[in-house]
Every structure is written in structure tokens, then in C-alpha cells.
Amino acid sequence: MSQVMEVSLGKQGRVVIPAELRRLLDFQEGDKLVAREEAGRLILEKREVAHQRLQSLLAHLPAERSIVDELIGERREAAKREAEE
């Protein structure tokens, strides 16, 4: 069962994560967190957790496939089409 706690948005958009929730998530002072929006929700997770999640999402891709190269190629094609317009 997930924990639900109410927090307030303070000055400059600051949010204090309740101590009970920090303990539950093992958030320690100085931890690097990744913040992202997902379906209208704010998701905070440790950088290591985000990295592991992304690795598992991409684990099915063959090692010889470079999605970075594919993305660069797609962006170059899009830029070429935009320049031609």
C-alpha cells in the first residue's frame, strides 16, 4: 500500500518531504533526485533509481543498436526537411 501525505508548496516552489516519507524512500540529505512530470503528477526519484529504471526499459534493445545514432539521424533528416521548406 502506498503512503499518502499532504505537503504544502512554499516560497519559491519549495516542498518539504515529510520525515516518514524520507525514511520510507531512504532519501538522505545530499541525495541527487530526478524530478519529472508524468500524467499531471510530479515524480521524484533518486538518480540511481531513475538510471536503473531506464536501463530496464531499454534492456530489450540489441547491444549493437545505437538509439543515440538513430535520434541524431532523425534530427538531421527533420532539420533537412525544415531547411527545404
PDB file of N, CA and C in Angstrom:
ATOM      1  N   MET A   1       0.847  -1.180   0.000  1.00  0.00           N
ATOM      2  CA  MET A   1       0.000   0.000   0.000  1.00  0.00           C
ATOM      3  C   MET A   1       0.888   1.237   0.000  1.00  0.00           C
ATOM      4  N   SER A   2       0.574   2.220  -0.815  1.00  0.00           N
ATOM      5  CA  SER A   2       1.384   3.423  -0.883  1.00  0.00           C
ATOM      6  C   SER A   2       1.005   4.391   0.235  1.00  0.00           C
ATOM      7  N   GLN A   3       1.965   5.208   0.599  1.00  0.00           N
ATOM      8  CA  GLN A   3       1.766   6.220   1.626  1.00  0.00           C
ATOM      9  C   GLN A   3       1.236   7.490   0.973  1.00  0.00           C
ATOM     10  N   VAL A   4       0.250   8.116   1.606  1.00  0.00           N
ATOM     11  CA  VAL A   4      -0.293   9.376   1.115  1.00  0.00           C
ATOM     12  C   VAL A   4      -0.129  10.403   2.221  1.00  0.00           C
ATOM     13  N   MET A   5       0.540  11.504   1.900  1.00  0.00           N
ATOM     14  CA  MET A   5       0.753  12.570   2.867  1.00  0.00           C
ATOM     15  C   MET A   5       0.556  13.897   2.169  1.00  0.00           C
ATOM     16  N   GLU A   6       0.008  14.834   2.876  1.00  0.00           N
ATOM     17  CA  GLU A   6      -0.201  16.161   2.319  1.00  0.00           C
ATOM     18  C   GLU A   6       1.011  17.029   2.607  1.00  0.00           C
ATOM     19  N   VAL A   7       1.458  17.765   1.599  1.00  0.00           N
ATOM     20  CA  VAL A   7       2.556  18.719   1.757  1.00  0.00           C
ATOM     21  C   VAL A   7       2.104  20.057   1.191  1.00  0.00           C
ATOM     22  N   SER A   8       2.785  21.118   1.587  1.00  0.00           N
ATOM     23  CA  SER A   8       2.448  22.454   1.092  1.00  0.00           C
ATOM     24  C   SER A   8       3.568  22.967   0.206  1.00  0.00           C
ATOM     25  N   LEU A   9       3.170  23.740  -0.774  1.00  0.00           N
ATOM     26  CA  LEU A   9       4.131  24.387  -1.653  1.00  0.00           C
ATOM     27  C   LEU A   9       4.494  25.723  -1.021  1.00  0.00           C
ATOM     28  N   GLY A  10       5.766  25.893  -0.720  1.00  0.00           N
ATOM     29  CA  GLY A  10       6.225  27.101  -0.048  1.00  0.00           C
ATOM     30  C   GLY A  10       6.763  28.131  -1.021  1.00  0.00           C
ATOM     31  N   LYS A  11       7.406  29.133  -0.448  1.00  0.00           N
ATOM     32  CA  LYS A  11       8.008  30.199  -1.252  1.00  0.00           C
ATOM     33  C   LYS A  11       8.991  29.596  -2.241  1.00  0.00           C
ATOM     34  N   GLN A  12       9.050  30.187  -3.390  1.00  0.00           N
ATOM     35  CA  GLN A  12       9.956  29.771  -4.465  1.00  0.00           C
ATOM     36  C   GLN A  12       9.746  28.310  -4.872  1.00  0.00           C
ATOM     37  N   GLY A  13       8.522  27.792  -4.654  1.00  0.00           N
ATOM     38  CA  GLY A  13       8.191  26.448  -5.095  1.00  0.00           C
ATOM     39  C   GLY A  13       8.793  25.339  -4.262  1.00  0.00           C
ATOM     40  N   ARG A  14       9.205  25.636  -3.060  1.00  0.00           N
ATOM     41  CA  ARG A  14       9.835  24.623  -2.217  1.00  0.00           C
ATOM     42  C   ARG A  14       8.806  23.692  -1.592  1.00  0.00           C
ATOM     43  N   VAL A  15       9.160  22.409  -1.566  1.00  0.00           N
ATOM     44  CA  VAL A  15       8.322  21.382  -0.948  1.00  0.00           C
ATOM     45  C   VAL A  15       9.190  20.645   0.064  1.00  0.00           C
ATOM     46  N   VAL A  16       8.673  20.465   1.257  1.00  0.00           N
ATOM     47  CA  VAL A  16       9.375  19.679   2.267  1.00  0.00           C
ATOM     48  C   VAL A  16       8.797  18.268   2.243  1.00  0.00           C
ATOM     49  N   ILE A  17       9.668  17.293   2.055  1.00  0.00           N
ATOM     50  CA  ILE A  17       9.237  15.895   2.052  1.00  0.00           C
ATOM     51  C   ILE A  17       9.166  15.448   3.514  1.00  0.00           C
ATOM     52  N   PRO A  18       8.007  14.994   3.963  1.00  0.00           N
ATOM     53  CA  PRO A  18       7.873  14.584   5.364  1.00  0.00           C
ATOM     54  C   PRO A  18       8.902  13.519   5.757  1.00  0.00           C
ATOM     55  N   ALA A  19       9.370  13.596   7.012  1.00  0.00           N
ATOM     56  CA  ALA A  19      10.405  12.688   7.523  1.00  0.00           C
ATOM     57  C   ALA A  19      10.020  11.222   7.333  1.00  0.00           C
ATOM     58  N   GLU A  20       8.774  10.870   7.609  1.00  0.00           N
ATOM     59  CA  GLU A  20       8.331   9.485   7.469  1.00  0.00           C
ATOM     60  C   GLU A  20       8.507   8.997   6.030  1.00  0.00           C
ATOM     61  N   LEU A  21       8.178   9.855   5.079  1.00  0.00           N
ATOM     62  CA  LEU A  21       8.314   9.501   3.673  1.00  0.00           C
ATOM     63  C   LEU A  21       9.786   9.435   3.268  1.00  0.00           C
ATOM     64  N   ARG A  22      10.608  10.352   3.789  1.00  0.00           N
ATOM     65  CA  ARG A  22      12.053  10.292   3.505  1.00  0.00           C
ATOM     66  C   ARG A  22      12.646   8.983   4.012  1.00  0.00           C
ATOM     67  N   ARG A  23      12.236   8.564   5.193  1.00  0.00           N
ATOM     68  CA  ARG A  23      12.731   7.296   5.745  1.00  0.00           C
ATOM     69  C   ARG A  23      12.272   6.118   4.886  1.00  0.00           C
ATOM     70  N   LEU A  24      11.004   6.123   4.528  1.00  0.00           N
ATOM     71  CA  LEU A  24      10.439   5.050   3.714  1.00  0.00           C
ATOM     72  C   LEU A  24      11.176   4.910   2.381  1.00  0.00           C
ATOM     73  N   LEU A  25      11.527   6.049   1.771  1.00  0.00           N
ATOM     74  CA  LEU A  25      12.200   6.056   0.468  1.00  0.00           C
ATOM     75  C   LEU A  25      13.722   6.040   0.579  1.00  0.00           C
ATOM     76  N   ASP A  26      14.218   6.064   1.815  1.00  0.00           N
ATOM     77  CA  ASP A  26      15.658   6.129   2.079  1.00  0.00           C
ATOM     78  C   ASP A  26      16.289   7.345   1.402  1.00  0.00           C
ATOM     79  N   PHE A  27      15.605   8.480   1.449  1.00  0.00           N
ATOM     80  CA  PHE A  27      16.155   9.735   0.952  1.00  0.00           C
ATOM     81  C   PHE A  27      17.029  10.312   2.053  1.00  0.00           C
ATOM     82  N   GLN A  28      18.279  10.610   1.713  1.00  0.00           N
ATOM     83  CA  GLN A  28      19.228  11.174   2.660  1.00  0.00           C
ATOM     84  C   GLN A  28      19.624  12.576   2.200  1.00  0.00           C
ATOM     85  N   GLU A  29      20.021  13.395   3.169  1.00  0.00           N
ATOM     86  CA  GLU A  29      20.497  14.731   2.830  1.00  0.00           C
ATOM     87  C   GLU A  29      21.633  14.614   1.821  1.00  0.00           C
ATOM     88  N   GLY A  30      21.579  15.410   0.765  1.00  0.00           N
ATOM     89  CA  GLY A  30      22.600  15.391  -0.271  1.00  0.00           C
ATOM     90  C   GLY A  30      22.311  14.453  -1.426  1.00  0.00           C
ATOM     91  N   ASP A  31      21.299  13.588  -1.300  1.00  0.00           N
ATOM     92  CA  ASP A  31      20.935  12.708  -2.412  1.00  0.00           C
ATOM     93  C   ASP A  31      20.552  13.551  -3.626  1.00  0.00           C
ATOM     94  N   LYS A  32      20.927  13.076  -4.802  1.00  0.00           N
ATOM     95  CA  LYS A  32      20.516  13.719  -6.051  1.00  0.00           C
ATOM     96  C   LYS A  32      19.206  13.076  -6.480  1.00  0.00           C
ATOM     97  N   LEU A  33      18.182  13.904  -6.648  1.00  0.00           N
ATOM     98  CA  LEU A  33      16.873  13.416  -7.068  1.00  0.00           C
ATOM     99  C   LEU A  33      16.582  13.894  -8.481  1.00  0.00           C
ATOM    100  N   VAL A  34      15.835  13.104  -9.214  1.00  0.00           N
ATOM    101  CA  VAL A  34      15.374  13.454 -10.552  1.00  0.00           C
ATOM    102  C   VAL A  34      13.886  13.761 -10.431  1.00  0.00           C
ATOM    103  N   ALA A  35      13.491  14.926 -10.932  1.00  0.00           N
ATOM    104  CA  ALA A  35      12.081  15.328 -10.918  1.00  0.00           C
ATOM    105  C   ALA A  35      11.567  15.277 -12.352  1.00  0.00           C
ATOM    106  N   ARG A  36      10.384  14.693 -12.513  1.00  0.00           N
ATOM    107  CA  ARG A  36       9.773  14.641 -13.846  1.00  0.00           C
ATOM    108  C   ARG A  36       8.261  14.706 -13.708  1.00  0.00           C
ATOM    109  N   GLU A  37       7.644  15.140 -14.773  1.00  0.00           N
ATOM    110  CA  GLU A  37       6.184  15.203 -14.824  1.00  0.00           C
ATOM    111  C   GLU A  37       5.704  13.978 -15.566  1.00  0.00           C
ATOM    112  N   GLU A  38       4.679  13.351 -15.031  1.00  0.00           N
ATOM    113  CA  GLU A  38       4.092  12.187 -15.689  1.00  0.00           C
ATOM    114  C   GLU A  38       2.589  12.214 -15.463  1.00  0.00           C
ATOM    115  N   ALA A  39       1.853  12.415 -16.544  1.00  0.00           N
ATOM    116  CA  ALA A  39       0.386  12.423 -16.497  1.00  0.00           C
ATOM    117  C   ALA A  39      -0.147  13.364 -15.417  1.00  0.00           C
ATOM    118  N   GLY A  40       0.431  14.574 -15.360  1.00  0.00           N
ATOM    119  CA  GLY A  40      -0.040  15.572 -14.409  1.00  0.00           C
ATOM    120  C   GLY A  40       0.441  15.363 -12.985  1.00  0.00           C
ATOM    121  N   ARG A  41       1.371  14.438 -12.796  1.00  0.00           N
ATOM    122  CA  ARG A  41       1.911  14.159 -11.466  1.00  0.00           C
ATOM    123  C   ARG A  41       3.382  14.542 -11.409  1.00  0.00           C
ATOM    124  N   LEU A  42       3.853  14.916 -10.241  1.00  0.00           N
ATOM    125  CA  LEU A  42       5.273  15.164 -10.017  1.00  0.00           C
ATOM    126  C   LEU A  42       5.879  13.889  -9.465  1.00  0.00           C
ATOM    127  N   ILE A  43       6.896  13.392 -10.146  1.00  0.00           N
ATOM    128  CA  ILE A  43       7.583  12.178  -9.718  1.00  0.00           C
ATOM    129  C   ILE A  43       8.992  12.581  -9.271  1.00  0.00           C
ATOM    130  N   LEU A  44       9.364  12.224  -8.065  1.00  0.00           N
ATOM    131  CA  LEU A  44      10.717  12.420  -7.551  1.00  0.00           C
ATOM    132  C   LEU A  44      11.318  11.052  -7.289  1.00  0.00           C
ATOM    133  N   GLU A  45      12.518  10.831  -7.791  1.00  0.00           N
ATOM    134  CA  GLU A  45      13.191   9.568  -7.530  1.00  0.00           C
ATOM    135  C   GLU A  45      14.688   9.802  -7.466  1.00  0.00           C
ATOM    136  N   LYS A  46      15.365   8.933  -6.733  1.00  0.00           N
ATOM    137  CA  LYS A  46      16.812   9.025  -6.660  1.00  0.00           C
ATOM    138  C   LYS A  46      17.386   8.839  -8.062  1.00  0.00           C
ATOM    139  N   ARG A  47      18.478   9.521  -8.321  1.00  0.00           N
ATOM    140  CA  ARG A  47      19.126   9.431  -9.628  1.00  0.00           C
ATOM    141  C   ARG A  47      19.438   7.974  -9.977  1.00  0.00           C
ATOM    142  N   GLU A  48      19.907   7.199  -8.995  1.00  0.00           N
ATOM    143  CA  GLU A  48      20.254   5.797  -9.240  1.00  0.00           C
ATOM    144  C   GLU A  48      19.027   4.982  -9.633  1.00  0.00           C
ATOM    145  N   VAL A  49      17.900   5.270  -9.002  1.00  0.00           N
ATOM    146  CA  VAL A  49      16.653   4.558  -9.309  1.00  0.00           C
ATOM    147  C   VAL A  49      16.200   4.894 -10.733  1.00  0.00           C
ATOM    148  N   ALA A  50      16.299   6.177 -11.096  1.00  0.00           N
ATOM    149  CA  ALA A  50      15.925   6.596 -12.456  1.00  0.00           C
ATOM    150  C   ALA A  50      16.824   5.894 -13.480  1.00  0.00           C
ATOM    151  N   HIS A  51      18.108   5.815 -13.181  1.00  0.00           N
ATOM    152  CA  HIS A  51      19.062   5.165 -14.084  1.00  0.00           C
ATOM    153  C   HIS A  51      18.718   3.684 -14.257  1.00  0.00           C
ATOM    154  N   GLN A  52      18.440   2.998 -13.155  1.00  0.00           N
ATOM    155  CA  GLN A  52      18.069   1.573 -13.220  1.00  0.00           C
ATOM    156  C   GLN A  52      16.768   1.378 -13.989  1.00  0.00           C
ATOM    157  N   ARG A  53      15.800   2.286 -13.783  1.00  0.00           N
ATOM    158  CA  ARG A  53      14.511   2.188 -14.474  1.00  0.00           C
ATOM    159  C   ARG A  53      14.709   2.326 -15.978  1.00  0.00           C
ATOM    160  N   LEU A  54      15.529   3.288 -16.373  1.00  0.00           N
ATOM    161  CA  LEU A  54      15.779   3.490 -17.802  1.00  0.00           C
ATOM    162  C   LEU A  54      16.539   2.316 -18.404  1.00  0.00           C
ATOM    163  N   GLN A  55      17.497   1.781 -17.664  1.00  0.00           N
ATOM    164  CA  GLN A  55      18.230   0.610 -18.160  1.00  0.00           C
ATOM    165  C   GLN A  55      17.294  -0.562 -18.396  1.00  0.00           C
ATOM    166  N   SER A  56      16.362  -0.773 -17.485  1.00  0.00           N
ATOM    167  CA  SER A  56      15.437  -1.897 -17.652  1.00  0.00           C
ATOM    168  C   SER A  56      14.480  -1.654 -18.816  1.00  0.00           C
ATOM    169  N   LEU A  57      14.108  -0.388 -19.039  1.00  0.00           N
ATOM    170  CA  LEU A  57      13.244  -0.075 -20.179  1.00  0.00           C
ATOM    171  C   LEU A  57      13.933  -0.344 -21.512  1.00  0.00           C
ATOM    172  N   LEU A  58      15.245  -0.156 -21.553  1.00  0.00           N
ATOM    173  CA  LEU A  58      15.995  -0.306 -22.798  1.00  0.00           C
ATOM    174  C   LEU A  58      16.701  -1.659 -22.909  1.00  0.00           C
ATOM    175  N   ALA A  59      16.554  -2.509 -21.920  1.00  0.00           N
ATOM    176  CA  ALA A  59      17.277  -3.788 -21.883  1.00  0.00           C
ATOM    177  C   ALA A  59      16.946  -4.686 -23.069  1.00  0.00           C
ATOM    178  N   HIS A  60      15.755  -4.542 -23.637  1.00  0.00           N
ATOM    179  CA  HIS A  60      15.354  -5.419 -24.740  1.00  0.00           C
ATOM    180  C   HIS A  60      16.020  -5.052 -26.068  1.00  0.00           C
ATOM    181  N   LEU A  61      16.659  -3.879 -26.131  1.00  0.00           N
ATOM    182  CA  LEU A  61      17.309  -3.459 -27.375  1.00  0.00           C
ATOM    183  C   LEU A  61      18.624  -4.202 -27.570  1.00  0.00           C
ATOM    184  N   PRO A  62      18.916  -4.603 -28.791  1.00  0.00           N
ATOM    185  CA  PRO A  62      20.195  -5.281 -29.050  1.00  0.00           C
ATOM    186  C   PRO A  62      21.372  -4.352 -28.746  1.00  0.00           C
ATOM    187  N   ALA A  63      22.458  -4.899 -28.237  1.00  0.00           N
ATOM    188  CA  ALA A  63      23.625  -4.094 -27.853  1.00  0.00           C
ATOM    189  C   ALA A  63      24.224  -3.344 -29.039  1.00  0.00           C
ATOM    190  N   GLU A  64      24.121  -3.916 -30.236  1.00  0.00           N
ATOM    191  CA  GLU A  64      24.720  -3.271 -31.410  1.00  0.00           C
ATOM    192  C   GLU A  64      23.875  -2.106 -31.943  1.00  0.00           C
ATOM    193  N   ARG A  65      22.674  -1.945 -31.435  1.00  0.00           N
ATOM    194  CA  ARG A  65      21.799  -0.856 -31.874  1.00  0.00           C
ATOM    195  C   ARG A  65      22.087   0.397 -31.055  1.00  0.00           C
ATOM    196  N   SER A  66      22.272   1.526 -31.733  1.00  0.00           N
ATOM    197  CA  SER A  66      22.538   2.784 -31.042  1.00  0.00           C
ATOM    198  C   SER A  66      21.334   3.703 -31.222  1.00  0.00           C
ATOM    199  N   ILE A  67      20.544   3.843 -30.171  1.00  0.00           N
ATOM    200  CA  ILE A  67      19.389   4.734 -30.277  1.00  0.00           C
ATOM    201  C   ILE A  67      19.836   6.192 -30.334  1.00  0.00           C
ATOM    202  N   VAL A  68      21.028   6.475 -29.824  1.00  0.00           N
ATOM    203  CA  VAL A  68      21.573   7.831 -29.927  1.00  0.00           C
ATOM    204  C   VAL A  68      21.831   8.166 -31.387  1.00  0.00           C
ATOM    205  N   ASP A  69      22.491   7.251 -32.098  1.00  0.00           N
ATOM    206  CA  ASP A  69      22.752   7.473 -33.521  1.00  0.00           C
ATOM    207  C   ASP A  69      21.451   7.590 -34.304  1.00  0.00           C
ATOM    208  N   GLU A  70      20.461   6.780 -33.952  1.00  0.00           N
ATOM    209  CA  GLU A  70      19.161   6.851 -34.620  1.00  0.00           C
ATOM    210  C   GLU A  70      18.506   8.211 -34.388  1.00  0.00           C
ATOM    211  N   LEU A  71      18.562   8.699 -33.151  1.00  0.00           N
ATOM    212  CA  LEU A  71      17.974  10.002 -32.833  1.00  0.00           C
ATOM    213  C   LEU A  71      18.680  11.119 -33.590  1.00  0.00           C
ATOM    214  N   ILE A  72      20.004  11.073 -33.608  1.00  0.00           N
ATOM    215  CA  ILE A  72      20.764  12.097 -34.344  1.00  0.00           C
ATOM    216  C   ILE A  72      20.385  12.061 -35.820  1.00  0.00           C
ATOM    217  N   GLY A  73      20.282  10.858 -36.382  1.00  0.00           N
ATOM    218  CA  GLY A  73      19.886  10.731 -37.786  1.00  0.00           C
ATOM    219  C   GLY A  73      18.499  11.291 -38.048  1.00  0.00           C
ATOM    220  N   GLU A  74      17.560  11.001 -37.141  1.00  0.00           N
ATOM    221  CA  GLU A  74      16.200  11.525 -37.288  1.00  0.00           C
ATOM    222  C   GLU A  74      16.194  13.047 -37.212  1.00  0.00           C
ATOM    223  N   ARG A  75      16.959  13.618 -36.276  1.00  0.00           N
ATOM    224  CA  ARG A  75      17.004  15.079 -36.130  1.00  0.00           C
ATOM    225  C   ARG A  75      17.629  15.730 -37.356  1.00  0.00           C
ATOM    226  N   ARG A  76      18.656  15.097 -37.925  1.00  0.00           N
ATOM    227  CA  ARG A  76      19.285  15.643 -39.138  1.00  0.00           C
ATOM    228  C   ARG A  76      18.300  15.636 -40.306  1.00  0.00           C
ATOM    229  N   GLU A  77      17.556  14.557 -40.445  1.00  0.00           N
ATOM    230  CA  GLU A  77      16.543  14.477 -41.505  1.00  0.00           C
ATOM    231  C   GLU A  77      15.474  15.545 -41.299  1.00  0.00           C
ATOM    232  N   ALA A  78      15.023  15.726 -40.069  1.00  0.00           N
ATOM    233  CA  ALA A  78      13.999  16.752 -39.794  1.00  0.00           C
ATOM    234  C   ALA A  78      14.537  18.132 -40.093  1.00  0.00           C
ATOM    235  N   ALA A  79      15.799  18.407 -39.715  1.00  0.00           N
ATOM    236  CA  ALA A  79      16.403  19.718 -39.982  1.00  0.00           C
ATOM    237  C   ALA A  79      16.530  19.948 -41.482  1.00  0.00           C
ATOM    238  N   LYS A  80      16.870  18.900 -42.216  1.00  0.00           N
ATOM    239  CA  LYS A  80      16.998  18.989 -43.679  1.00  0.00           C
ATOM    240  C   LYS A  80      15.659  19.324 -44.303  1.00  0.00           C
ATOM    241  N   ARG A  81      14.594  18.642 -43.843  1.00  0.00           N
ATOM    242  CA  ARG A  81      13.234  18.914 -44.370  1.00  0.00           C
ATOM    243  C   ARG A  81      12.805  20.344 -44.043  1.00  0.00           C
ATOM    244  N   GLU A  82      13.107  20.807 -42.827  1.00  0.00           N
ATOM    245  CA  GLU A  82      12.733  22.176 -42.431  1.00  0.00           C
ATOM    246  C   GLU A  82      13.468  23.198 -43.268  1.00  0.00           C
ATOM    247  N   ALA A  83      14.742  22.925 -43.585  1.00  0.00           N
ATOM    248  CA  ALA A  83      15.544  23.850 -44.391  1.00  0.00           C
ATOM    249  C   ALA A  83      15.013  23.928 -45.823  1.00  0.00           C
ATOM    250  N   GLU A  84      14.458  22.824 -46.310  1.00  0.00           N
ATOM    251  CA  GLU A  84      13.927  22.780 -47.674  1.00  0.00           C
ATOM    252  C   GLU A  84      12.597  23.491 -47.813  1.00  0.00           C
ATOM    253  N   GLU A  85      11.898  23.716 -46.711  1.00  0.00           N
ATOM    254  CA  GLU A  85      10.567  24.343 -46.745  1.00  0.00           C
ATOM    255  C   GLU A  85      10.640  25.827 -46.933  1.00  0.00           C
TER     256      GLU A  85
END
